[in-house]
């Protein structure tokens, strides 16, 4: 029985914020307004920087971003010296050296964010058998995208009186099944934002969702800008072709 409970807990936490936004139970995820939404939308860099602060101070204790190079943060306004200082705060494995041995060294901006655990088994051992999901692509990998991340992070509540939570589980109204192993990690004023923004739970959730949207698609703004340029070019080209056609056929008629 204990093994069964551990297995269920592992599955729940492994899904974590990676759960499907609208499961078979029909959990409806509220839509939010995002500055980066739409054709002309762009990432709110200040919000993304605050989201990174939360990731670094809160989320990184359990969740990795092993697909994201540290230098990616240049896209939300981090300067080169800031990236170097940030990277140097991490110890990364390198090598082998001349003796064929791996060694640890301070990080550089080209390195990817190191995982909080040496391997998946170590992560499970530290989390009651569960494997916290990697957050590198989480914003693009789940139905609902950033809306789901926001909903999940703000969806922790006391369970209904008629609901029996399994040991080690927490109630979340937006998580499929409503029982999740991940605890509520966001608290009012749980962080002190460097820019002085009031750290409400809703603000923190929005900032985390914005940051994870950025790391999942660092070239989002550039892609949209290129799309607009292509559309404008095609409109101008279509106008020129139409004018040329009228000129040509006017002589024939």
C-alpha atoms as a PDB file:
ATOM      1  CA  UNK A   1       0.000   0.000   0.000  1.00  0.00           C
ATOM      2  CA  UNK A   2       2.811   2.394   0.848  1.00  0.00           C
ATOM      3  CA  UNK A   3       4.462   1.660  -2.492  1.00  0.00           C
ATOM      4  CA  UNK A   4       1.169   2.388  -4.253  1.00  0.00           C
ATOM      5  CA  UNK A   5       0.766   5.739  -2.483  1.00  0.00           C
ATOM      6  CA  UNK A   6       4.349   6.649  -3.349  1.00  0.00           C
ATOM      7  CA  UNK A   7       3.746   5.798  -6.985  1.00  0.00           C
ATOM      8  CA  UNK A   8       0.594   7.913  -7.094  1.00  0.00           C
ATOM      9  CA  UNK A   9       2.359  10.809  -5.399  1.00  0.00           C
ATOM     10  CA  UNK A  10       5.227  10.523  -7.857  1.00  0.00           C
ATOM     11  CA  UNK A  11       2.894  10.671 -10.815  1.00  0.00           C
ATOM     12  CA  UNK A  12       1.031  13.657  -9.412  1.00  0.00           C
ATOM     13  CA  UNK A  13       4.099  15.776  -8.737  1.00  0.00           C
ATOM     14  CA  UNK A  14       5.742  14.743 -11.973  1.00  0.00           C
ATOM     15  CA  UNK A  15       2.707  16.161 -13.742  1.00  0.00           C
ATOM     16  CA  UNK A  16       2.787  19.213 -11.452  1.00  0.00           C
ATOM     17  CA  UNK A  17       2.292  22.349 -13.470  1.00  0.00           C
ATOM     18  CA  UNK A  18       2.834  20.146 -16.476  1.00  0.00           C
ATOM     19  CA  UNK A  19      -0.687  18.742 -16.212  1.00  0.00           C
ATOM     20  CA  UNK A  20      -3.116  19.196 -19.072  1.00  0.00           C
ATOM     21  CA  UNK A  21      -4.995  22.470 -18.776  1.00  0.00           C
ATOM     22  CA  UNK A  22      -8.342  21.028 -19.648  1.00  0.00           C
ATOM     23  CA  UNK A  23      -8.549  17.385 -18.753  1.00  0.00           C
ATOM     24  CA  UNK A  24     -11.410  14.992 -19.211  1.00  0.00           C
ATOM     25  CA  UNK A  25     -12.999  16.466 -16.090  1.00  0.00           C
ATOM     26  CA  UNK A  26     -13.571  19.669 -18.038  1.00  0.00           C
ATOM     27  CA  UNK A  27     -11.530  21.986 -15.809  1.00  0.00           C
ATOM     28  CA  UNK A  28     -11.897  25.438 -17.375  1.00  0.00           C
ATOM     29  CA  UNK A  29      -8.836  27.655 -17.337  1.00  0.00           C
ATOM     30  CA  UNK A  30      -9.584  31.402 -17.183  1.00  0.00           C
ATOM     31  CA  UNK A  31      -7.996  33.446 -19.948  1.00  0.00           C
ATOM     32  CA  UNK A  32      -5.673  36.272 -18.950  1.00  0.00           C
ATOM     33  CA  UNK A  33      -4.547  39.388 -20.769  1.00  0.00           C
ATOM     34  CA  UNK A  34      -0.883  39.178 -21.801  1.00  0.00           C
ATOM     35  CA  UNK A  35       1.269  41.955 -23.320  1.00  0.00           C
ATOM     36  CA  UNK A  36       2.876  39.388 -25.628  1.00  0.00           C
ATOM     37  CA  UNK A  37      -0.452  38.157 -27.023  1.00  0.00           C
ATOM     38  CA  UNK A  38      -1.529  38.991 -30.557  1.00  0.00           C
ATOM     39  CA  UNK A  39       0.391  39.824 -33.697  1.00  0.00           C
ATOM     40  CA  UNK A  40       1.927  42.989 -32.299  1.00  0.00           C
ATOM     41  CA  UNK A  41       2.407  41.787 -28.715  1.00  0.00           C
ATOM     42  CA  UNK A  42       5.845  41.750 -27.106  1.00  0.00           C
ATOM     43  CA  UNK A  43       7.283  40.180 -23.985  1.00  0.00           C
ATOM     44  CA  UNK A  44       7.063  42.417 -20.927  1.00  0.00           C
ATOM     45  CA  UNK A  45      10.769  42.374 -20.072  1.00  0.00           C
ATOM     46  CA  UNK A  46      10.307  43.845 -16.585  1.00  0.00           C
ATOM     47  CA  UNK A  47       7.747  41.136 -15.775  1.00  0.00           C
ATOM     48  CA  UNK A  48       9.999  38.431 -17.211  1.00  0.00           C
ATOM     49  CA  UNK A  49      12.904  39.666 -15.086  1.00  0.00           C
ATOM     50  CA  UNK A  50      10.727  39.476 -11.987  1.00  0.00           C
ATOM     51  CA  UNK A  51       9.657  35.987 -13.074  1.00  0.00           C
ATOM     52  CA  UNK A  52      13.285  34.947 -13.291  1.00  0.00           C
ATOM     53  CA  UNK A  53      13.839  36.294  -9.772  1.00  0.00           C
ATOM     54  CA  UNK A  54      11.052  34.024  -8.530  1.00  0.00           C
ATOM     55  CA  UNK A  55      12.445  31.073 -10.454  1.00  0.00           C
ATOM     56  CA  UNK A  56      15.902  31.635  -8.971  1.00  0.00           C
ATOM     57  CA  UNK A  57      14.720  32.223  -5.400  1.00  0.00           C
ATOM     58  CA  UNK A  58      11.796  29.798  -5.221  1.00  0.00           C
ATOM     59  CA  UNK A  59      11.361  27.382  -8.126  1.00  0.00           C
ATOM     60  CA  UNK A  60      14.997  26.453  -8.777  1.00  0.00           C
ATOM     61  CA  UNK A  61      15.171  24.478  -5.531  1.00  0.00           C
ATOM     62  CA  UNK A  62      13.206  21.693  -7.246  1.00  0.00           C
ATOM     63  CA  UNK A  63      12.743  22.528 -10.927  1.00  0.00           C
ATOM     64  CA  UNK A  64      15.421  22.529 -13.602  1.00  0.00           C
ATOM     65  CA  UNK A  65      15.722  24.535 -16.830  1.00  0.00           C
ATOM     66  CA  UNK A  66      18.404  22.384 -18.349  1.00  0.00           C
ATOM     67  CA  UNK A  67      17.636  23.345 -21.960  1.00  0.00           C
ATOM     68  CA  UNK A  68      18.087  27.081 -21.364  1.00  0.00           C
ATOM     69  CA  UNK A  69      21.514  28.754 -21.752  1.00  0.00           C
ATOM     70  CA  UNK A  70      22.132  31.464 -19.174  1.00  0.00           C
ATOM     71  CA  UNK A  71      22.896  33.963 -21.956  1.00  0.00           C
ATOM     72  CA  UNK A  72      19.265  33.645 -23.084  1.00  0.00           C
ATOM     73  CA  UNK A  73      18.415  36.199 -20.392  1.00  0.00           C
ATOM     74  CA  UNK A  74      19.992  38.885 -22.576  1.00  0.00           C
ATOM     75  CA  UNK A  75      16.673  38.829 -24.402  1.00  0.00           C
ATOM     76  CA  UNK A  76      14.884  40.321 -21.380  1.00  0.00           C
ATOM     77  CA  UNK A  77      17.431  43.015 -20.683  1.00  0.00           C
ATOM     78  CA  UNK A  78      20.288  41.424 -18.748  1.00  0.00           C
ATOM     79  CA  UNK A  79      23.619  43.059 -19.600  1.00  0.00           C
ATOM     80  CA  UNK A  80      26.792  41.118 -20.384  1.00  0.00           C
ATOM     81  CA  UNK A  81      28.398  41.827 -17.007  1.00  0.00           C
ATOM     82  CA  UNK A  82      25.192  40.787 -15.243  1.00  0.00           C
ATOM     83  CA  UNK A  83      25.117  37.529 -17.180  1.00  0.00           C
ATOM     84  CA  UNK A  84      28.746  36.803 -16.327  1.00  0.00           C
ATOM     85  CA  UNK A  85      28.135  37.485 -12.644  1.00  0.00           C
ATOM     86  CA  UNK A  86      24.985  35.365 -12.654  1.00  0.00           C
ATOM     87  CA  UNK A  87      26.694  32.474 -14.431  1.00  0.00           C
ATOM     88  CA  UNK A  88      29.690  32.597 -12.090  1.00  0.00           C
ATOM     89  CA  UNK A  89      27.350  31.949  -9.195  1.00  0.00           C
ATOM     90  CA  UNK A  90      26.751  28.418 -10.495  1.00  0.00           C
ATOM     91  CA  UNK A  91      29.102  25.467 -10.377  1.00  0.00           C
ATOM     92  CA  UNK A  92      28.971  23.387 -13.560  1.00  0.00           C
ATOM     93  CA  UNK A  93      30.602  20.123 -14.448  1.00  0.00           C
ATOM     94  CA  UNK A  94      33.299  20.307 -17.112  1.00  0.00           C
ATOM     95  CA  UNK A  95      36.030  18.127 -18.542  1.00  0.00           C
ATOM     96  CA  UNK A  96      37.473  15.686 -18.898  1.00  0.00           C
ATOM     97  CA  UNK A  97      40.867  17.150 -17.972  1.00  0.00           C
ATOM     98  CA  UNK A  98      44.241  15.758 -19.031  1.00  0.00           C
ATOM     99  CA  UNK A  99      43.778  12.923 -16.543  1.00  0.00           C
ATOM    100  CA  UNK A 100      40.415  12.001 -17.973  1.00  0.00           C
ATOM    101  CA  UNK A 101      38.539  13.306 -14.941  1.00  0.00           C
ATOM    102  CA  UNK A 102      35.495  15.538 -14.794  1.00  0.00           C
ATOM    103  CA  UNK A 103      35.752  18.634 -12.629  1.00  0.00           C
ATOM    104  CA  UNK A 104      33.633  21.547 -11.423  1.00  0.00           C
ATOM    105  CA  UNK A 105      34.156  25.134 -12.533  1.00  0.00           C
ATOM    106  CA  UNK A 106      32.290  28.460 -12.275  1.00  0.00           C
ATOM    107  CA  UNK A 107      29.655  28.860 -14.938  1.00  0.00           C
ATOM    108  CA  UNK A 108      29.851  31.090 -18.007  1.00  0.00           C
ATOM    109  CA  UNK A 109      26.927  32.635 -19.918  1.00  0.00           C
ATOM    110  CA  UNK A 110      27.121  29.938 -22.599  1.00  0.00           C
ATOM    111  CA  UNK A 111      26.373  27.244 -19.997  1.00  0.00           C
ATOM    112  CA  UNK A 112      22.843  26.032 -19.459  1.00  0.00           C
ATOM    113  CA  UNK A 113      21.163  26.461 -16.107  1.00  0.00           C
ATOM    114  CA  UNK A 114      22.354  23.585 -13.915  1.00  0.00           C
ATOM    115  CA  UNK A 115      19.788  21.237 -12.448  1.00  0.00           C
ATOM    116  CA  UNK A 116      19.188  21.327  -8.694  1.00  0.00           C
ATOM    117  CA  UNK A 117      19.823  17.572  -8.518  1.00  0.00           C
ATOM    118  CA  UNK A 118      22.625  15.430  -9.867  1.00  0.00           C
ATOM    119  CA  UNK A 119      20.201  13.137 -11.703  1.00  0.00           C
ATOM    120  CA  UNK A 120      16.553  12.100 -11.840  1.00  0.00           C
ATOM    121  CA  UNK A 121      16.966   9.488  -9.111  1.00  0.00           C
ATOM    122  CA  UNK A 122      18.378  12.116  -6.763  1.00  0.00           C
ATOM    123  CA  UNK A 123      15.439  14.376  -7.593  1.00  0.00           C
ATOM    124  CA  UNK A 124      12.964  11.620  -6.808  1.00  0.00           C
ATOM    125  CA  UNK A 125      14.727  10.776  -3.562  1.00  0.00           C
ATOM    126  CA  UNK A 126      14.409  14.405  -2.448  1.00  0.00           C
ATOM    127  CA  UNK A 127      10.730  14.645  -3.402  1.00  0.00           C
ATOM    128  CA  UNK A 128       9.113  11.533  -1.945  1.00  0.00           C
ATOM    129  CA  UNK A 129       9.680   9.585  -5.129  1.00  0.00           C
ATOM    130  CA  UNK A 130       8.336  12.283  -7.473  1.00  0.00           C
ATOM    131  CA  UNK A 131      10.243  13.896 -10.331  1.00  0.00           C
ATOM    132  CA  UNK A 132       9.630  17.667 -10.589  1.00  0.00           C
ATOM    133  CA  UNK A 133       9.179  18.578 -14.262  1.00  0.00           C
ATOM    134  CA  UNK A 134      11.781  20.571 -16.153  1.00  0.00           C
ATOM    135  CA  UNK A 135      10.489  24.074 -16.908  1.00  0.00           C
ATOM    136  CA  UNK A 136      12.411  24.814 -20.105  1.00  0.00           C
ATOM    137  CA  UNK A 137       9.449  24.275 -22.446  1.00  0.00           C
ATOM    138  CA  UNK A 138       6.592  24.002 -19.978  1.00  0.00           C
ATOM    139  CA  UNK A 139       4.821  27.123 -21.282  1.00  0.00           C
ATOM    140  CA  UNK A 140       4.520  25.614 -24.767  1.00  0.00           C
ATOM    141  CA  UNK A 141       4.032  21.994 -23.784  1.00  0.00           C
ATOM    142  CA  UNK A 142       0.678  22.280 -22.024  1.00  0.00           C
ATOM    143  CA  UNK A 143      -2.791  23.099 -23.231  1.00  0.00           C
ATOM    144  CA  UNK A 144      -3.629  26.561 -22.015  1.00  0.00           C
ATOM    145  CA  UNK A 145       0.015  27.670 -22.200  1.00  0.00           C
ATOM    146  CA  UNK A 146       0.720  30.652 -19.922  1.00  0.00           C
ATOM    147  CA  UNK A 147      -2.941  30.804 -18.876  1.00  0.00           C
ATOM    148  CA  UNK A 148      -2.565  27.355 -17.348  1.00  0.00           C
ATOM    149  CA  UNK A 149       0.639  28.251 -15.505  1.00  0.00           C
ATOM    150  CA  UNK A 150      -1.057  31.320 -14.017  1.00  0.00           C
ATOM    151  CA  UNK A 151      -4.180  29.354 -13.107  1.00  0.00           C
ATOM    152  CA  UNK A 152      -2.214  26.527 -11.531  1.00  0.00           C
ATOM    153  CA  UNK A 153      -0.062  28.847  -9.417  1.00  0.00           C
ATOM    154  CA  UNK A 154      -3.111  30.756  -8.163  1.00  0.00           C
ATOM    155  CA  UNK A 155      -5.368  27.725  -7.829  1.00  0.00           C
ATOM    156  CA  UNK A 156      -4.309  26.387  -4.427  1.00  0.00           C
ATOM    157  CA  UNK A 157      -7.140  26.423  -1.877  1.00  0.00           C
ATOM    158  CA  UNK A 158      -8.446  24.551   1.106  1.00  0.00           C
ATOM    159  CA  UNK A 159     -10.195  21.409  -0.171  1.00  0.00           C
ATOM    160  CA  UNK A 160     -13.981  21.115  -0.063  1.00  0.00           C
ATOM    161  CA  UNK A 161     -15.338  19.650   3.160  1.00  0.00           C
ATOM    162  CA  UNK A 162     -16.419  16.450   1.409  1.00  0.00           C
ATOM    163  CA  UNK A 163     -13.037  15.818  -0.228  1.00  0.00           C
ATOM    164  CA  UNK A 164     -10.400  13.564   1.325  1.00  0.00           C
ATOM    165  CA  UNK A 165      -6.910  14.490   0.250  1.00  0.00           C
ATOM    166  CA  UNK A 166      -4.380  11.717  -0.003  1.00  0.00           C
ATOM    167  CA  UNK A 167      -1.366  12.015   2.316  1.00  0.00           C
ATOM    168  CA  UNK A 168       1.168  14.484   0.998  1.00  0.00           C
ATOM    169  CA  UNK A 169      -1.226  15.951  -1.562  1.00  0.00           C
ATOM    170  CA  UNK A 170      -2.500  19.524  -1.950  1.00  0.00           C
ATOM    171  CA  UNK A 171      -5.768  20.828  -3.371  1.00  0.00           C
ATOM    172  CA  UNK A 172      -5.653  22.869  -6.579  1.00  0.00           C
ATOM    173  CA  UNK A 173      -8.918  23.795  -8.281  1.00  0.00           C
ATOM    174  CA  UNK A 174      -7.342  23.999 -11.731  1.00  0.00           C
ATOM    175  CA  UNK A 175      -5.317  20.798 -11.624  1.00  0.00           C
ATOM    176  CA  UNK A 176      -6.979  17.733 -13.185  1.00  0.00           C
ATOM    177  CA  UNK A 177      -8.217  15.645 -10.268  1.00  0.00           C
ATOM    178  CA  UNK A 178      -7.542  18.607  -7.962  1.00  0.00           C
ATOM    179  CA  UNK A 179      -4.897  16.694  -5.975  1.00  0.00           C
ATOM    180  CA  UNK A 180      -1.258  17.553  -6.623  1.00  0.00           C
ATOM    181  CA  UNK A 181       1.946  16.771  -4.785  1.00  0.00           C
ATOM    182  CA  UNK A 182       3.472  20.195  -5.388  1.00  0.00           C
ATOM    183  CA  UNK A 183       2.789  22.582  -2.474  1.00  0.00           C
ATOM    184  CA  UNK A 184       1.675  26.183  -2.843  1.00  0.00           C
ATOM    185  CA  UNK A 185       5.006  27.917  -3.388  1.00  0.00           C
ATOM    186  CA  UNK A 186       3.746  31.485  -3.846  1.00  0.00           C
ATOM    187  CA  UNK A 187       2.877  33.566  -0.800  1.00  0.00           C
ATOM    188  CA  UNK A 188       2.007  37.277  -0.546  1.00  0.00           C
ATOM    189  CA  UNK A 189       5.277  39.206  -0.327  1.00  0.00           C
ATOM    190  CA  UNK A 190       7.112  35.893  -0.514  1.00  0.00           C
ATOM    191  CA  UNK A 191       9.791  37.683  -2.530  1.00  0.00           C
ATOM    192  CA  UNK A 192      11.010  41.265  -2.513  1.00  0.00           C
ATOM    193  CA  UNK A 193      11.097  42.509  -6.069  1.00  0.00           C
ATOM    194  CA  UNK A 194      14.192  44.487  -6.986  1.00  0.00           C
ATOM    195  CA  UNK A 195      12.075  47.061  -8.856  1.00  0.00           C
ATOM    196  CA  UNK A 196       9.721  47.626  -5.933  1.00  0.00           C
ATOM    197  CA  UNK A 197       6.658  45.975  -7.509  1.00  0.00           C
ATOM    198  CA  UNK A 198       4.124  44.695  -4.973  1.00  0.00           C
ATOM    199  CA  UNK A 199       4.607  40.925  -4.799  1.00  0.00           C
ATOM    200  CA  UNK A 200       1.029  39.706  -4.624  1.00  0.00           C
ATOM    201  CA  UNK A 201       0.395  36.059  -5.449  1.00  0.00           C
ATOM    202  CA  UNK A 202      -1.326  37.089  -8.677  1.00  0.00           C
ATOM    203  CA  UNK A 203       1.590  39.328  -9.681  1.00  0.00           C
ATOM    204  CA  UNK A 204       4.119  36.612  -8.946  1.00  0.00           C
ATOM    205  CA  UNK A 205       2.128  34.058 -10.947  1.00  0.00           C
ATOM    206  CA  UNK A 206       1.865  36.413 -13.911  1.00  0.00           C
ATOM    207  CA  UNK A 207       5.579  37.176 -13.793  1.00  0.00           C
ATOM    208  CA  UNK A 208       6.521  33.482 -13.634  1.00  0.00           C
ATOM    209  CA  UNK A 209       4.186  32.711 -16.548  1.00  0.00           C
ATOM    210  CA  UNK A 210       5.709  35.546 -18.588  1.00  0.00           C
ATOM    211  CA  UNK A 211       9.244  34.376 -17.851  1.00  0.00           C
ATOM    212  CA  UNK A 212       8.489  30.761 -18.740  1.00  0.00           C
ATOM    213  CA  UNK A 213       6.833  31.913 -21.961  1.00  0.00           C
ATOM    214  CA  UNK A 214      10.011  33.769 -22.842  1.00  0.00           C
ATOM    215  CA  UNK A 215      12.399  30.886 -22.126  1.00  0.00           C
ATOM    216  CA  UNK A 216      10.187  28.497 -24.087  1.00  0.00           C
ATOM    217  CA  UNK A 217      10.399  30.803 -27.124  1.00  0.00           C
ATOM    218  CA  UNK A 218      13.207  33.370 -26.707  1.00  0.00           C
ATOM    219  CA  UNK A 219      12.771  34.644 -30.275  1.00  0.00           C
ATOM    220  CA  UNK A 220       9.037  35.303 -29.933  1.00  0.00           C
ATOM    221  CA  UNK A 221       9.355  39.075 -30.422  1.00  0.00           C
ATOM    222  CA  UNK A 222      11.739  38.715 -33.362  1.00  0.00           C
ATOM    223  CA  UNK A 223       9.434  36.177 -35.008  1.00  0.00           C
ATOM    224  CA  UNK A 224       6.459  38.502 -34.730  1.00  0.00           C
ATOM    225  CA  UNK A 225       8.439  41.465 -36.041  1.00  0.00           C
ATOM    226  CA  UNK A 226       9.574  39.425 -39.029  1.00  0.00           C
ATOM    227  CA  UNK A 227       5.997  38.290 -39.638  1.00  0.00           C
ATOM    228  CA  UNK A 228       4.781  41.885 -39.716  1.00  0.00           C
ATOM    229  CA  UNK A 229       7.554  42.833 -42.159  1.00  0.00           C
ATOM    230  CA  UNK A 230       6.675  39.906 -44.425  1.00  0.00           C
ATOM    231  CA  UNK A 231       2.984  40.833 -44.409  1.00  0.00           C
ATOM    232  CA  UNK A 232       3.795  44.468 -45.257  1.00  0.00           C
ATOM    233  CA  UNK A 233       6.101  43.346 -48.056  1.00  0.00           C
ATOM    234  CA  UNK A 234       3.425  41.077 -49.496  1.00  0.00           C
ATOM    235  CA  UNK A 235       0.856  43.883 -49.362  1.00  0.00           C
ATOM    236  CA  UNK A 236       3.188  46.252 -51.186  1.00  0.00           C
ATOM    237  CA  UNK A 237       4.135  43.533 -53.665  1.00  0.00           C
ATOM    238  CA  UNK A 238       0.465  42.733 -54.291  1.00  0.00           C
ATOM    239  CA  UNK A 239      -0.214  46.434 -54.904  1.00  0.00           C
ATOM    240  CA  UNK A 240       2.627  46.661 -57.401  1.00  0.00           C
ATOM    241  CA  UNK A 241       1.436  43.559 -59.206  1.00  0.00           C
ATOM    242  CA  UNK A 242      -2.093  44.924 -59.392  1.00  0.00           C
ATOM    243  CA  UNK A 243      -0.861  48.280 -60.721  1.00  0.00           C
ATOM    244  CA  UNK A 244       1.328  46.498 -63.286  1.00  0.00           C
ATOM    245  CA  UNK A 245      -1.586  44.340 -64.368  1.00  0.00           C
ATOM    246  CA  UNK A 246      -3.828  47.392 -64.865  1.00  0.00           C
ATOM    247  CA  UNK A 247      -1.108  49.161 -66.843  1.00  0.00           C
ATOM    248  CA  UNK A 248      -0.509  46.166 -69.079  1.00  0.00           C
ATOM    249  CA  UNK A 249      -4.151  45.420 -69.818  1.00  0.00           C
ATOM    250  CA  UNK A 250      -5.046  49.076 -70.351  1.00  0.00           C
ATOM    251  CA  UNK A 251      -2.810  49.090 -73.446  1.00  0.00           C
ATOM    252  CA  UNK A 252      -4.374  45.874 -74.750  1.00  0.00           C
ATOM    253  CA  UNK A 253      -7.905  47.206 -74.318  1.00  0.00           C
END
